[in-house]
């Protein structure tokens, strides 16, 4: 319960603190979901970054492996609802274009 109070004090004061028990529960759930979503988002962003670094270094064999890992992470983020289907498709397409350009 203390973390709910601290959260709301950090978020703008006690005037926004929920009084209803179910609203307090929702705050806890939202905090957990936000942390989960941030972990997933960080995972796919770091996978994309590793892929782009491999492309920049000219390491094509490693880039191929990292491409499949990055697309897998993007698909997982899409499945979990962290990013929208079209966004996932656009990101994968952009990675694919970078890989094909580097191989050509």
Protein backbone atom coordinates (compact mmCIF):
# COMPACT_ATOMS: atom_id res chain seq x y z
CA UNK A 1 0.00 0.00 0.00
CA UNK A 2 2.90 2.32 0.74
CA UNK A 3 4.19 2.10 -2.83
CA UNK A 4 0.77 3.27 -4.10
CA UNK A 5 0.97 6.35 -1.90
CA UNK A 6 4.56 7.07 -2.93
CA UNK A 7 3.64 6.60 -6.59
CA UNK A 8 0.86 9.15 -6.38
CA UNK A 9 2.92 11.62 -4.38
CA UNK A 10 5.55 11.48 -7.11
CA UNK A 11 2.89 11.78 -9.81
CA UNK A 12 1.38 15.06 -8.65
CA UNK A 13 0.35 14.93 -5.04
CA UNK A 14 -2.21 13.35 -2.81
CA UNK A 15 -5.11 15.03 -4.61
CA UNK A 16 -4.86 12.30 -7.27
CA UNK A 17 -4.72 9.38 -4.83
CA UNK A 18 -7.61 6.95 -5.42
CA UNK A 19 -9.94 6.31 -2.52
CA UNK A 20 -11.74 3.27 -3.88
CA UNK A 21 -10.21 -0.12 -3.17
CA UNK A 22 -10.59 -1.38 -6.73
CA UNK A 23 -8.92 1.77 -8.08
CA UNK A 24 -5.95 1.18 -5.77
CA UNK A 25 -5.71 -2.39 -7.09
CA UNK A 26 -5.78 -1.10 -10.67
CA UNK A 27 -2.86 1.21 -9.84
CA UNK A 28 -0.81 -1.79 -8.71
CA UNK A 29 -1.72 -3.76 -11.83
CA UNK A 30 -0.93 -0.83 -14.12
CA UNK A 31 2.48 -0.41 -12.47
CA UNK A 32 3.31 -4.08 -13.07
CA UNK A 33 2.08 -3.97 -16.67
CA UNK A 34 4.05 -0.78 -17.35
CA UNK A 35 7.26 -2.41 -16.10
CA UNK A 36 6.56 -5.51 -18.20
CA UNK A 37 5.88 -3.44 -21.31
CA UNK A 38 9.03 -1.37 -20.77
CA UNK A 39 11.11 -4.56 -20.49
CA UNK A 40 9.68 -5.88 -23.76
CA UNK A 41 10.17 -2.54 -25.50
CA UNK A 42 13.76 -2.28 -24.26
CA UNK A 43 14.43 -5.83 -25.45
CA UNK A 44 13.37 -5.25 -29.02
CA UNK A 45 15.04 -1.83 -29.21
CA UNK A 46 18.36 -3.26 -28.04
CA UNK A 47 18.04 -6.14 -30.53
CA UNK A 48 17.49 -3.63 -33.34
CA UNK A 49 20.44 -1.55 -32.13
CA UNK A 50 22.75 -4.60 -32.11
CA UNK A 51 21.64 -5.43 -35.66
CA UNK A 52 22.31 -1.89 -36.86
CA UNK A 53 25.74 -1.89 -35.21
CA UNK A 54 26.61 -5.13 -36.99
CA UNK A 55 25.50 -3.62 -40.31
CA UNK A 56 27.56 -0.48 -39.64
CA UNK A 57 30.61 -2.61 -38.81
CA UNK A 58 30.13 -4.57 -42.05
CA UNK A 59 29.76 -7.92 -40.29
CA UNK A 60 27.14 -9.52 -42.55
CA UNK A 61 27.15 -13.03 -41.05
CA UNK A 62 26.48 -11.65 -37.59
CA UNK A 63 23.91 -9.23 -39.04
CA UNK A 64 21.92 -12.13 -40.52
CA UNK A 65 21.72 -13.82 -37.12
CA UNK A 66 20.87 -10.56 -35.37
CA UNK A 67 18.22 -9.81 -38.02
CA UNK A 68 16.32 -12.97 -37.12
CA UNK A 69 16.66 -12.17 -33.40
CA UNK A 70 15.45 -8.61 -33.91
CA UNK A 71 12.44 -9.69 -35.98
CA UNK A 72 11.60 -12.29 -33.33
CA UNK A 73 11.71 -9.63 -30.58
CA UNK A 74 9.57 -7.27 -32.68
CA UNK A 75 7.01 -10.04 -33.25
CA UNK A 76 6.94 -10.81 -29.53
CA UNK A 77 6.36 -7.13 -28.73
CA UNK A 78 3.53 -7.10 -31.27
CA UNK A 79 1.98 -10.25 -29.81
CA UNK A 80 2.10 -8.80 -26.30
CA UNK A 81 0.43 -5.62 -27.52
CA UNK A 82 3.37 -3.34 -26.80
CA UNK A 83 3.51 -2.19 -30.42
CA UNK A 84 0.83 -2.25 -33.09
CA UNK A 85 0.88 -4.75 -35.97
CA UNK A 86 1.58 -2.12 -38.62
CA UNK A 87 4.43 -0.65 -36.59
CA UNK A 88 5.98 -4.09 -36.22
CA UNK A 89 5.65 -4.69 -39.95
CA UNK A 90 7.20 -1.31 -40.75
CA UNK A 91 10.16 -1.92 -38.41
CA UNK A 92 10.82 -5.38 -39.83
CA UNK A 93 10.61 -4.02 -43.37
CA UNK A 94 13.11 -1.29 -42.57
CA UNK A 95 15.53 -3.84 -41.06
CA UNK A 96 15.12 -6.06 -44.10
CA UNK A 97 15.92 -3.16 -46.43
CA UNK A 98 19.07 -2.36 -44.44
CA UNK A 99 20.21 -5.98 -44.57
CA UNK A 100 19.55 -6.28 -48.32
CA UNK A 101 21.35 -2.99 -49.00
CA UNK A 102 24.37 -4.15 -47.03
CA UNK A 103 24.48 -7.50 -48.83
CA UNK A 104 24.24 -5.92 -52.28
